[in-house]
Amino acid sequence: MKVILNKDLSPLGEEGDVKDVARGYARNFLFPRKIAVPYTEQTVRLFERRKEEIEARKQDKRKDALGMKERLEALDMTLTMPAGVNGKLYGAVTSQTVADELGRQGFQIERKRIELPSTSLKSVGKYKLTVKLYESAAAEVSLTIQGQAVKSESRAAPPPRQRHRRVEEEARTEQAASEASEPAGAPSESPPQTDRE
């Protein structure tokens, strides 16, 4: 079913684009949310009248993308992550980590627009990332990952286990009973040994 997009919808397209979509998708999602309208002679004429307005908005987006590209390429991002002595990170730097860091620096960029050299970065070093902006505009961002030494916690010996009060009382009672039954100065007799087979 042919529709004309009334709003930008990633990844389907932008306002004014003519797209061929499934009928159910159009009826259940696009039309109720006013994201698209059916492709008819009347809607085509309506969008022809709005063509200049739509093109002006696209031109503004292109300018914004070029301005953001310049600012991103001038940015030298540094992340400090916990790492071992060999430079291997405890964890990984993902596109979400980079998106969060860019957000702290004032750039609102979705993580799916950030391309890393591999799925995730797992060691310290310098990397080049690609950030897709608008249409074919993309910025190349420098990222430096520094390692932060993690203090190894030496385990202290656990405190001695305390015996239960009842067990301690029984031990004292047995000791007192054995001392009372032995006459003073008499050698203690050991129980007779039996051979076990």
N, C-alpha and C. Protein backbone atom coordinates (compact mmCIF):
# COMPACT_ATOMS: atom_id res chain seq x y z
N MET A 1 0.85 -1.18 0.00
CA MET A 1 0.00 0.00 0.00
C MET A 1 0.90 1.24 0.00
N LYS A 2 0.59 2.18 -0.87
CA LYS A 2 1.39 3.40 -0.97
C LYS A 2 0.88 4.44 0.01
N VAL A 3 1.84 5.07 0.73
CA VAL A 3 1.50 6.14 1.66
C VAL A 3 2.48 7.30 1.47
N ILE A 4 2.09 8.46 1.94
CA ILE A 4 2.98 9.62 1.97
C ILE A 4 3.21 9.95 3.43
N LEU A 5 4.47 10.04 3.82
CA LEU A 5 4.79 10.32 5.22
C LEU A 5 4.48 11.77 5.56
N ASN A 6 3.78 11.94 6.67
CA ASN A 6 3.39 13.26 7.15
C ASN A 6 4.42 13.78 8.16
N LYS A 7 5.22 12.85 8.72
CA LYS A 7 6.26 13.19 9.71
C LYS A 7 7.47 12.34 9.43
N ASP A 8 8.61 12.73 9.99
CA ASP A 8 9.81 11.90 9.89
C ASP A 8 9.62 10.66 10.76
N LEU A 9 10.00 9.52 10.25
CA LEU A 9 9.93 8.28 11.03
C LEU A 9 11.15 7.44 10.66
N SER A 10 12.05 7.31 11.62
CA SER A 10 13.26 6.52 11.39
C SER A 10 12.93 5.06 11.61
N PRO A 11 13.35 4.16 10.80
CA PRO A 11 14.16 4.27 9.59
C PRO A 11 13.33 4.30 8.31
N LEU A 12 12.01 4.47 8.42
CA LEU A 12 11.14 4.41 7.24
C LEU A 12 11.42 5.55 6.26
N GLY A 13 11.47 6.78 6.74
CA GLY A 13 11.72 7.90 5.83
C GLY A 13 11.41 9.23 6.48
N GLU A 14 11.34 10.28 5.63
CA GLU A 14 11.11 11.63 6.12
C GLU A 14 9.80 12.18 5.58
N GLU A 15 9.42 13.30 6.11
CA GLU A 15 8.19 13.97 5.70
C GLU A 15 8.19 14.20 4.19
N GLY A 16 7.08 13.82 3.54
CA GLY A 16 6.94 14.01 2.09
C GLY A 16 7.38 12.82 1.27
N ASP A 17 8.06 11.83 1.87
CA ASP A 17 8.50 10.65 1.13
C ASP A 17 7.32 9.74 0.83
N VAL A 18 7.32 9.14 -0.37
CA VAL A 18 6.30 8.16 -0.75
C VAL A 18 6.89 6.78 -0.48
N LYS A 19 6.18 5.98 0.32
CA LYS A 19 6.67 4.65 0.70
C LYS A 19 5.60 3.60 0.45
N ASP A 20 6.07 2.39 0.21
CA ASP A 20 5.17 1.25 0.03
C ASP A 20 5.26 0.41 1.29
N VAL A 21 4.15 0.29 2.03
CA VAL A 21 4.16 -0.43 3.31
C VAL A 21 3.02 -1.45 3.34
N ALA A 22 3.05 -2.32 4.32
CA ALA A 22 1.99 -3.32 4.49
C ALA A 22 0.70 -2.62 4.93
N ARG A 23 -0.44 -3.15 4.48
CA ARG A 23 -1.74 -2.54 4.81
C ARG A 23 -1.97 -2.46 6.32
N GLY A 24 -1.67 -3.53 7.02
CA GLY A 24 -1.89 -3.56 8.47
C GLY A 24 -1.03 -2.52 9.19
N TYR A 25 0.22 -2.38 8.76
CA TYR A 25 1.13 -1.39 9.35
C TYR A 25 0.57 0.02 9.14
N ALA A 26 0.07 0.26 7.94
CA ALA A 26 -0.49 1.57 7.63
C ALA A 26 -1.76 1.83 8.46
N ARG A 27 -2.70 0.87 8.44
CA ARG A 27 -3.97 1.07 9.14
C ARG A 27 -3.84 1.10 10.65
N ASN A 28 -2.97 0.25 11.20
CA ASN A 28 -2.90 0.12 12.65
C ASN A 28 -1.88 1.04 13.31
N PHE A 29 -0.87 1.49 12.56
CA PHE A 29 0.17 2.30 13.19
C PHE A 29 0.30 3.69 12.56
N LEU A 30 0.52 3.75 11.26
CA LEU A 30 0.82 5.03 10.61
C LEU A 30 -0.39 5.99 10.57
N PHE A 31 -1.53 5.49 10.15
CA PHE A 31 -2.71 6.37 10.02
C PHE A 31 -3.24 6.86 11.37
N PRO A 32 -3.42 6.00 12.39
CA PRO A 32 -3.95 6.50 13.66
C PRO A 32 -3.04 7.54 14.33
N ARG A 33 -1.75 7.44 14.12
CA ARG A 33 -0.80 8.39 14.74
C ARG A 33 -0.52 9.59 13.84
N LYS A 34 -1.19 9.63 12.69
CA LYS A 34 -1.04 10.71 11.71
C LYS A 34 0.41 10.86 11.24
N ILE A 35 1.12 9.74 11.17
CA ILE A 35 2.49 9.73 10.66
C ILE A 35 2.47 9.70 9.14
N ALA A 36 1.42 9.11 8.56
CA ALA A 36 1.31 9.02 7.11
C ALA A 36 -0.14 9.18 6.70
N VAL A 37 -0.31 9.47 5.41
CA VAL A 37 -1.66 9.57 4.81
C VAL A 37 -1.67 8.68 3.57
N PRO A 38 -2.86 8.18 3.18
CA PRO A 38 -2.91 7.33 1.98
C PRO A 38 -2.45 8.10 0.74
N TYR A 39 -1.86 7.41 -0.20
CA TYR A 39 -1.40 8.03 -1.44
C TYR A 39 -2.59 8.13 -2.39
N THR A 40 -3.15 9.33 -2.48
CA THR A 40 -4.27 9.60 -3.40
C THR A 40 -3.95 10.87 -4.16
N GLU A 41 -4.76 11.18 -5.17
CA GLU A 41 -4.54 12.41 -5.95
C GLU A 41 -4.63 13.64 -5.05
N GLN A 42 -5.58 13.62 -4.14
CA GLN A 42 -5.79 14.76 -3.24
C GLN A 42 -4.58 14.97 -2.32
N THR A 43 -4.05 13.90 -1.73
CA THR A 43 -2.89 14.05 -0.83
C THR A 43 -1.63 14.42 -1.61
N VAL A 44 -1.51 13.93 -2.84
CA VAL A 44 -0.35 14.30 -3.66
C VAL A 44 -0.38 15.80 -3.94
N ARG A 45 -1.56 16.34 -4.27
CA ARG A 45 -1.67 17.79 -4.52
C ARG A 45 -1.34 18.59 -3.25
N LEU A 46 -1.81 18.08 -2.11
CA LEU A 46 -1.54 18.75 -0.84
C LEU A 46 -0.03 18.81 -0.56
N PHE A 47 0.66 17.71 -0.79
CA PHE A 47 2.10 17.68 -0.54
C PHE A 47 2.88 18.46 -1.59
N GLU A 48 2.33 18.59 -2.81
CA GLU A 48 2.99 19.44 -3.81
C GLU A 48 2.98 20.90 -3.36
N ARG A 49 1.88 21.31 -2.72
CA ARG A 49 1.80 22.69 -2.20
C ARG A 49 2.75 22.89 -1.03
N ARG A 50 2.96 21.85 -0.23
CA ARG A 50 3.84 21.95 0.95
C ARG A 50 5.30 21.64 0.62
N LYS A 51 5.59 21.36 -0.65
CA LYS A 51 6.93 20.91 -1.04
C LYS A 51 8.02 21.90 -0.65
N GLU A 52 7.80 23.19 -0.88
CA GLU A 52 8.82 24.21 -0.54
C GLU A 52 9.06 24.26 0.97
N GLU A 53 7.98 24.18 1.72
CA GLU A 53 8.09 24.20 3.20
C GLU A 53 8.89 22.98 3.69
N ILE A 54 8.59 21.81 3.14
CA ILE A 54 9.29 20.58 3.53
C ILE A 54 10.77 20.68 3.14
N GLU A 55 11.05 21.19 1.94
CA GLU A 55 12.44 21.31 1.49
C GLU A 55 13.21 22.31 2.35
N ALA A 56 12.55 23.38 2.81
CA ALA A 56 13.21 24.36 3.69
C ALA A 56 13.58 23.71 5.01
N ARG A 57 12.69 22.85 5.55
CA ARG A 57 12.99 22.14 6.80
C ARG A 57 14.16 21.18 6.62
N LYS A 58 14.21 20.49 5.48
CA LYS A 58 15.32 19.57 5.21
C LYS A 58 16.63 20.34 5.10
N GLN A 59 16.57 21.52 4.49
CA GLN A 59 17.78 22.35 4.37
C GLN A 59 18.29 22.78 5.75
N ASP A 60 17.35 23.13 6.65
CA ASP A 60 17.74 23.48 8.03
C ASP A 60 18.40 22.29 8.72
N LYS A 61 17.86 21.11 8.51
CA LYS A 61 18.45 19.89 9.12
C LYS A 61 19.85 19.65 8.58
N ARG A 62 20.04 19.88 7.29
CA ARG A 62 21.38 19.71 6.70
C ARG A 62 22.38 20.68 7.32
N LYS A 63 21.96 21.94 7.50
CA LYS A 63 22.85 22.95 8.12
C LYS A 63 23.18 22.56 9.56
N ASP A 64 22.17 22.13 10.31
CA ASP A 64 22.40 21.70 11.69
C ASP A 64 23.38 20.52 11.74
N ALA A 65 23.21 19.59 10.80
CA ALA A 65 24.09 18.42 10.76
C ALA A 65 25.53 18.83 10.47
N LEU A 66 25.73 19.79 9.55
CA LEU A 66 27.08 20.24 9.24
C LEU A 66 27.71 20.96 10.43
N GLY A 67 26.91 21.78 11.14
CA GLY A 67 27.42 22.46 12.34
C GLY A 67 27.80 21.46 13.42
N MET A 68 26.95 20.44 13.60
CA MET A 68 27.23 19.43 14.62
C MET A 68 28.46 18.60 14.21
N LYS A 69 28.60 18.35 12.91
CA LYS A 69 29.76 17.58 12.42
C LYS A 69 31.05 18.31 12.79
N GLU A 70 31.10 19.61 12.57
CA GLU A 70 32.30 20.38 12.90
C GLU A 70 32.60 20.33 14.39
N ARG A 71 31.57 20.48 15.21
CA ARG A 71 31.78 20.46 16.67
C ARG A 71 32.22 19.08 17.15
N LEU A 72 31.63 18.02 16.58
CA LEU A 72 32.01 16.66 16.98
C LEU A 72 33.44 16.33 16.57
N GLU A 73 33.83 16.76 15.37
CA GLU A 73 35.19 16.45 14.91
C GLU A 73 36.23 17.25 15.67
N ALA A 74 35.84 18.39 16.22
CA ALA A 74 36.78 19.17 17.04
C ALA A 74 36.89 18.60 18.46
N LEU A 75 35.95 17.77 18.82
CA LEU A 75 35.91 17.19 20.16
C LEU A 75 36.93 16.07 20.30
N ASP A 76 37.67 16.07 21.41
CA ASP A 76 38.59 14.98 21.71
C ASP A 76 38.09 14.34 22.99
N MET A 77 37.36 13.24 22.85
CA MET A 77 36.72 12.60 23.98
C MET A 77 37.67 11.67 24.71
N THR A 78 37.62 11.70 26.04
CA THR A 78 38.44 10.80 26.85
C THR A 78 37.55 10.10 27.87
N LEU A 79 37.65 8.79 27.91
CA LEU A 79 36.91 7.99 28.89
C LEU A 79 37.92 7.31 29.81
N THR A 80 37.66 7.34 31.10
CA THR A 80 38.51 6.63 32.05
C THR A 80 37.72 5.44 32.58
N MET A 81 38.27 4.26 32.33
CA MET A 81 37.58 3.03 32.69
C MET A 81 38.48 2.16 33.56
N PRO A 82 37.91 1.36 34.47
CA PRO A 82 38.72 0.43 35.27
C PRO A 82 39.40 -0.59 34.35
N ALA A 83 40.71 -0.76 34.53
CA ALA A 83 41.45 -1.68 33.67
C ALA A 83 42.53 -2.39 34.47
N GLY A 84 42.97 -3.51 33.95
CA GLY A 84 44.05 -4.28 34.56
C GLY A 84 45.40 -3.71 34.14
N VAL A 85 46.47 -4.26 34.67
CA VAL A 85 47.81 -3.76 34.37
C VAL A 85 48.19 -3.97 32.91
N ASN A 86 47.59 -4.95 32.23
CA ASN A 86 47.91 -5.20 30.83
C ASN A 86 47.10 -4.32 29.87
N GLY A 87 46.26 -3.42 30.40
CA GLY A 87 45.48 -2.51 29.56
C GLY A 87 44.13 -3.06 29.13
N LYS A 88 43.78 -4.23 29.60
CA LYS A 88 42.47 -4.80 29.27
C LYS A 88 41.43 -4.26 30.23
N LEU A 89 40.31 -3.80 29.68
CA LEU A 89 39.26 -3.18 30.51
C LEU A 89 38.48 -4.23 31.29
N TYR A 90 38.04 -3.83 32.48
CA TYR A 90 37.09 -4.65 33.24
C TYR A 90 35.71 -4.23 32.75
N GLY A 91 35.24 -4.85 31.71
CA GLY A 91 34.00 -4.44 31.07
C GLY A 91 34.32 -4.02 29.65
N ALA A 92 33.45 -3.22 29.04
CA ALA A 92 33.67 -2.80 27.66
C ALA A 92 33.05 -1.43 27.43
N VAL A 93 33.55 -0.74 26.42
CA VAL A 93 32.96 0.53 25.99
C VAL A 93 32.07 0.21 24.80
N THR A 94 30.78 0.50 24.93
CA THR A 94 29.81 0.23 23.87
C THR A 94 29.31 1.55 23.30
N SER A 95 28.46 1.45 22.29
CA SER A 95 27.89 2.67 21.70
C SER A 95 27.03 3.42 22.72
N GLN A 96 26.42 2.69 23.66
CA GLN A 96 25.64 3.35 24.71
C GLN A 96 26.53 4.15 25.65
N THR A 97 27.71 3.61 25.99
CA THR A 97 28.67 4.33 26.83
C THR A 97 29.09 5.63 26.16
N VAL A 98 29.36 5.57 24.84
CA VAL A 98 29.76 6.75 24.08
C VAL A 98 28.60 7.76 24.01
N ALA A 99 27.38 7.26 23.78
CA ALA A 99 26.21 8.16 23.71
C ALA A 99 26.00 8.87 25.05
N ASP A 100 26.20 8.16 26.16
CA ASP A 100 26.06 8.78 27.49
C ASP A 100 27.11 9.88 27.69
N GLU A 101 28.35 9.61 27.27
CA GLU A 101 29.42 10.60 27.41
C GLU A 101 29.16 11.81 26.53
N LEU A 102 28.68 11.57 25.30
CA LEU A 102 28.34 12.70 24.42
C LEU A 102 27.19 13.51 25.01
N GLY A 103 26.24 12.85 25.65
CA GLY A 103 25.13 13.54 26.31
C GLY A 103 25.62 14.45 27.42
N ARG A 104 26.63 14.00 28.18
CA ARG A 104 27.20 14.83 29.24
C ARG A 104 27.90 16.07 28.67
N GLN A 105 28.34 15.95 27.41
CA GLN A 105 29.04 17.08 26.78
C GLN A 105 28.11 17.92 25.92
N GLY A 106 26.81 17.65 25.98
CA GLY A 106 25.82 18.51 25.32
C GLY A 106 25.34 18.04 23.96
N PHE A 107 25.67 16.83 23.54
CA PHE A 107 25.22 16.30 22.25
C PHE A 107 24.18 15.22 22.50
N GLN A 108 23.00 15.38 21.92
CA GLN A 108 21.96 14.37 22.06
C GLN A 108 21.96 13.50 20.80
N ILE A 109 22.65 12.36 20.89
CA ILE A 109 22.78 11.47 19.75
C ILE A 109 22.36 10.07 20.18
N GLU A 110 21.51 9.43 19.35
CA GLU A 110 21.06 8.08 19.65
C GLU A 110 22.22 7.11 19.49
N ARG A 111 22.22 6.06 20.30
CA ARG A 111 23.33 5.11 20.27
C ARG A 111 23.41 4.36 18.94
N LYS A 112 22.27 4.18 18.26
CA LYS A 112 22.31 3.44 16.99
C LYS A 112 22.97 4.25 15.87
N ARG A 113 23.18 5.53 16.10
CA ARG A 113 23.88 6.36 15.10
C ARG A 113 25.40 6.34 15.30
N ILE A 114 25.85 5.70 16.37
CA ILE A 114 27.29 5.66 16.69
C ILE A 114 27.85 4.32 16.24
N GLU A 115 28.88 4.38 15.39
CA GLU A 115 29.52 3.16 14.91
C GLU A 115 30.91 3.05 15.50
N LEU A 116 31.16 1.95 16.21
CA LEU A 116 32.47 1.68 16.79
C LEU A 116 33.28 0.84 15.80
N PRO A 117 34.62 0.81 15.93
CA PRO A 117 35.42 -0.04 15.06
C PRO A 117 35.05 -1.52 15.16
N SER A 118 34.58 -1.95 16.34
CA SER A 118 34.05 -3.30 16.52
C SER A 118 32.82 -3.16 17.40
N THR A 119 32.19 -4.26 17.75
CA THR A 119 30.95 -4.16 18.52
C THR A 119 31.16 -3.47 19.87
N SER A 120 32.32 -3.72 20.49
CA SER A 120 32.66 -3.03 21.74
C SER A 120 34.17 -2.93 21.85
N LEU A 121 34.62 -1.93 22.61
CA LEU A 121 36.05 -1.70 22.79
C LEU A 121 36.45 -2.26 24.15
N LYS A 122 37.47 -3.13 24.19
CA LYS A 122 37.79 -3.83 25.42
C LYS A 122 39.20 -3.58 25.93
N SER A 123 39.90 -2.60 25.35
CA SER A 123 41.24 -2.29 25.85
C SER A 123 41.51 -0.79 25.72
N VAL A 124 42.48 -0.31 26.49
CA VAL A 124 42.81 1.12 26.46
C VAL A 124 43.47 1.45 25.12
N GLY A 125 43.39 2.73 24.73
CA GLY A 125 44.00 3.15 23.47
C GLY A 125 43.22 4.28 22.83
N LYS A 126 43.60 4.62 21.58
CA LYS A 126 42.94 5.68 20.82
C LYS A 126 42.14 5.03 19.71
N TYR A 127 40.92 5.53 19.53
CA TYR A 127 40.02 4.98 18.52
C TYR A 127 39.35 6.10 17.74
N LYS A 128 38.88 5.77 16.53
CA LYS A 128 38.09 6.69 15.71
C LYS A 128 36.68 6.10 15.59
N LEU A 129 35.69 6.90 15.95
CA LEU A 129 34.29 6.48 15.88
C LEU A 129 33.59 7.27 14.78
N THR A 130 32.58 6.69 14.19
CA THR A 130 31.78 7.38 13.18
C THR A 130 30.40 7.65 13.77
N VAL A 131 29.97 8.91 13.69
CA VAL A 131 28.64 9.29 14.16
C VAL A 131 27.84 9.73 12.95
N LYS A 132 26.78 8.97 12.63
CA LYS A 132 25.93 9.32 11.48
C LYS A 132 24.99 10.45 11.90
N LEU A 133 24.92 11.47 11.07
CA LEU A 133 24.09 12.62 11.40
C LEU A 133 22.84 12.63 10.51
N TYR A 134 22.79 13.50 9.52
CA TYR A 134 21.61 13.60 8.67
C TYR A 134 21.99 13.24 7.25
N GLU A 135 21.16 12.44 6.59
CA GLU A 135 21.40 11.95 5.23
C GLU A 135 22.78 11.31 5.16
N SER A 136 23.68 11.85 4.32
CA SER A 136 25.01 11.22 4.19
C SER A 136 26.05 11.87 5.09
N ALA A 137 25.67 12.88 5.86
CA ALA A 137 26.63 13.56 6.74
C ALA A 137 26.99 12.65 7.92
N ALA A 138 28.30 12.52 8.15
CA ALA A 138 28.80 11.71 9.27
C ALA A 138 30.04 12.39 9.83
N ALA A 139 30.21 12.30 11.14
CA ALA A 139 31.36 12.90 11.80
C ALA A 139 32.28 11.80 12.31
N GLU A 140 33.58 12.07 12.26
CA GLU A 140 34.56 11.14 12.80
C GLU A 140 35.06 11.70 14.12
N VAL A 141 34.82 10.98 15.20
CA VAL A 141 35.14 11.45 16.55
C VAL A 141 36.34 10.67 17.09
N SER A 142 37.27 11.39 17.74
CA SER A 142 38.42 10.75 18.37
C SER A 142 38.06 10.37 19.80
N LEU A 143 38.34 9.12 20.15
CA LEU A 143 38.06 8.64 21.51
C LEU A 143 39.33 8.04 22.09
N THR A 144 39.69 8.50 23.28
CA THR A 144 40.82 7.95 24.00
C THR A 144 40.29 7.25 25.25
N ILE A 145 40.65 5.99 25.41
CA ILE A 145 40.24 5.24 26.60
C ILE A 145 41.46 5.08 27.48
N GLN A 146 41.36 5.60 28.69
CA GLN A 146 42.45 5.50 29.66
C GLN A 146 42.09 4.45 30.71
N GLY A 147 43.10 3.77 31.19
CA GLY A 147 42.88 2.76 32.22
C GLY A 147 43.00 3.36 33.61
N GLN A 148 42.14 2.95 34.48
CA GLN A 148 42.18 3.38 35.87
C GLN A 148 42.51 2.15 36.70
N ALA A 149 43.60 2.23 37.46
CA ALA A 149 44.02 1.07 38.25
C ALA A 149 42.98 0.77 39.32
N VAL A 150 42.67 -0.48 39.45
CA VAL A 150 41.70 -0.92 40.46
C VAL A 150 42.47 -1.46 41.64
N LYS A 151 42.19 -0.94 42.83
CA LYS A 151 42.87 -1.41 44.04
C LYS A 151 42.44 -2.84 44.32
N SER A 152 43.44 -3.71 44.50
CA SER A 152 43.10 -5.09 44.84
C SER A 152 42.89 -5.16 46.35
N GLU A 153 41.79 -5.64 46.71
CA GLU A 153 41.45 -5.71 48.14
C GLU A 153 42.02 -6.99 48.71
N SER A 154 42.94 -6.85 49.69
CA SER A 154 43.47 -8.04 50.34
C SER A 154 42.44 -8.51 51.35
N ARG A 155 42.20 -9.79 51.29
CA ARG A 155 41.18 -10.34 52.18
C ARG A 155 41.77 -10.56 53.56
N ALA A 156 41.12 -10.00 54.54
CA ALA A 156 41.55 -10.19 55.93
C ALA A 156 41.07 -11.56 56.39
N ALA A 157 41.81 -12.14 57.31
CA ALA A 157 41.40 -13.45 57.84
C ALA A 157 40.08 -13.28 58.56
N PRO A 158 39.15 -14.19 58.32
CA PRO A 158 37.85 -14.05 58.98
C PRO A 158 38.00 -14.20 60.48
N PRO A 159 37.17 -13.53 61.25
CA PRO A 159 37.26 -13.67 62.71
C PRO A 159 36.96 -15.11 63.10
N PRO A 160 37.56 -15.58 64.20
CA PRO A 160 37.31 -16.97 64.61
C PRO A 160 35.83 -17.17 64.88
N ARG A 161 35.36 -18.34 64.48
CA ARG A 161 33.93 -18.61 64.69
C ARG A 161 33.63 -18.78 66.15
N GLN A 162 32.57 -18.19 66.55
CA GLN A 162 32.18 -18.33 67.95
C GLN A 162 31.32 -19.56 68.09
N ARG A 163 31.60 -20.29 69.11
CA ARG A 163 30.83 -21.50 69.35
C ARG A 163 29.50 -21.11 69.99
N HIS A 164 28.55 -21.93 69.78
CA HIS A 164 27.25 -21.67 70.38
C HIS A 164 27.34 -21.82 71.90
N ARG A 165 26.54 -21.04 72.58
CA ARG A 165 26.56 -21.02 74.04
C ARG A 165 26.26 -22.40 74.62
N ARG A 166 25.31 -23.13 74.04
CA ARG A 166 24.96 -24.44 74.57
C ARG A 166 26.13 -25.41 74.45
N VAL A 167 26.84 -25.38 73.34
CA VAL A 167 27.99 -26.27 73.13
C VAL A 167 29.08 -25.94 74.14
N GLU A 168 29.31 -24.63 74.38
CA GLU A 168 30.32 -24.23 75.36
C GLU A 168 29.95 -24.71 76.76
N GLU A 169 28.67 -24.59 77.14
CA GLU A 169 28.24 -25.02 78.46
C GLU A 169 28.40 -26.53 78.63
N GLU A 170 28.08 -27.29 77.57
CA GLU A 170 28.23 -28.75 77.64
C GLU A 170 29.70 -29.12 77.80
N ALA A 171 30.59 -28.41 77.10
CA ALA A 171 32.02 -28.70 77.20
C ALA A 171 32.52 -28.41 78.61
N ARG A 172 32.07 -27.29 79.19
CA ARG A 172 32.48 -26.96 80.56
C ARG A 172 31.96 -28.00 81.55
N THR A 173 30.73 -28.45 81.39
CA THR A 173 30.13 -29.44 82.28
C THR A 173 30.89 -30.76 82.20
N GLU A 174 31.22 -31.20 80.98
CA GLU A 174 31.98 -32.44 80.83
C GLU A 174 33.36 -32.33 81.47
N GLN A 175 34.00 -31.17 81.28
CA GLN A 175 35.34 -30.98 81.85
C GLN A 175 35.28 -31.00 83.38
N ALA A 176 34.26 -30.33 83.94
CA ALA A 176 34.11 -30.30 85.40
C ALA A 176 33.83 -31.71 85.93
N ALA A 177 33.02 -32.48 85.21
CA ALA A 177 32.68 -33.83 85.64
C ALA A 177 33.91 -34.73 85.61
N SER A 178 34.74 -34.59 84.56
CA SER A 178 35.93 -35.43 84.47
C SER A 178 36.96 -35.04 85.54
N GLU A 179 37.06 -33.78 85.87
CA GLU A 179 38.00 -33.34 86.92
C GLU A 179 37.52 -33.83 88.30
N ALA A 180 36.23 -33.84 88.52
CA ALA A 180 35.68 -34.27 89.82
C ALA A 180 35.84 -35.77 90.00
N SER A 181 35.76 -36.58 88.95
CA SER A 181 35.85 -38.03 89.09
C SER A 181 37.28 -38.51 89.26
N GLU A 182 38.26 -37.72 88.84
CA GLU A 182 39.67 -38.11 88.99
C GLU A 182 40.16 -37.73 90.39
N PRO A 183 40.76 -38.71 91.09
CA PRO A 183 41.35 -38.35 92.38
C PRO A 183 42.62 -37.54 92.15
N ALA A 184 42.92 -36.69 93.10
CA ALA A 184 44.08 -35.82 92.97
C ALA A 184 45.35 -36.63 92.94
N GLY A 185 46.23 -36.38 91.98
CA GLY A 185 47.52 -37.03 91.88
C GLY A 185 47.46 -38.39 91.23
N ALA A 186 46.28 -38.97 90.95
CA ALA A 186 46.19 -40.27 90.30
C ALA A 186 46.36 -40.11 88.81
N PRO A 187 47.13 -41.02 88.21
CA PRO A 187 47.28 -40.90 86.75
C PRO A 187 45.97 -41.28 86.07
N SER A 188 45.71 -40.58 84.98
CA SER A 188 44.47 -40.88 84.27
C SER A 188 44.65 -42.13 83.46
N GLU A 189 43.63 -42.99 83.50
CA GLU A 189 43.72 -44.23 82.76
C GLU A 189 43.13 -44.01 81.38
N SER A 190 43.83 -44.58 80.42
CA SER A 190 43.28 -44.47 79.07
C SER A 190 42.34 -45.65 78.84
N PRO A 191 41.34 -45.48 78.06
CA PRO A 191 40.41 -46.59 77.80
C PRO A 191 41.11 -47.72 77.08
N PRO A 192 40.67 -48.96 77.32
CA PRO A 192 41.33 -50.11 76.68
C PRO A 192 41.19 -50.02 75.18
N GLN A 193 42.26 -50.43 74.46
CA GLN A 193 42.29 -50.38 73.00
C GLN A 193 41.68 -51.68 72.48
N THR A 194 40.84 -51.61 71.49
CA THR A 194 40.29 -52.81 70.87
C THR A 194 40.70 -52.83 69.40
N ASP A 195 40.99 -54.02 68.91
CA ASP A 195 41.39 -54.14 67.52
C ASP A 195 40.13 -54.16 66.65
N ARG A 196 40.17 -53.29 65.68
CA ARG A 196 39.04 -53.25 64.73
C ARG A 196 39.47 -53.88 63.42
N GLU A 197 38.58 -54.69 62.89
CA GLU A 197 38.93 -55.31 61.61
C GLU A 197 38.19 -54.66 60.50
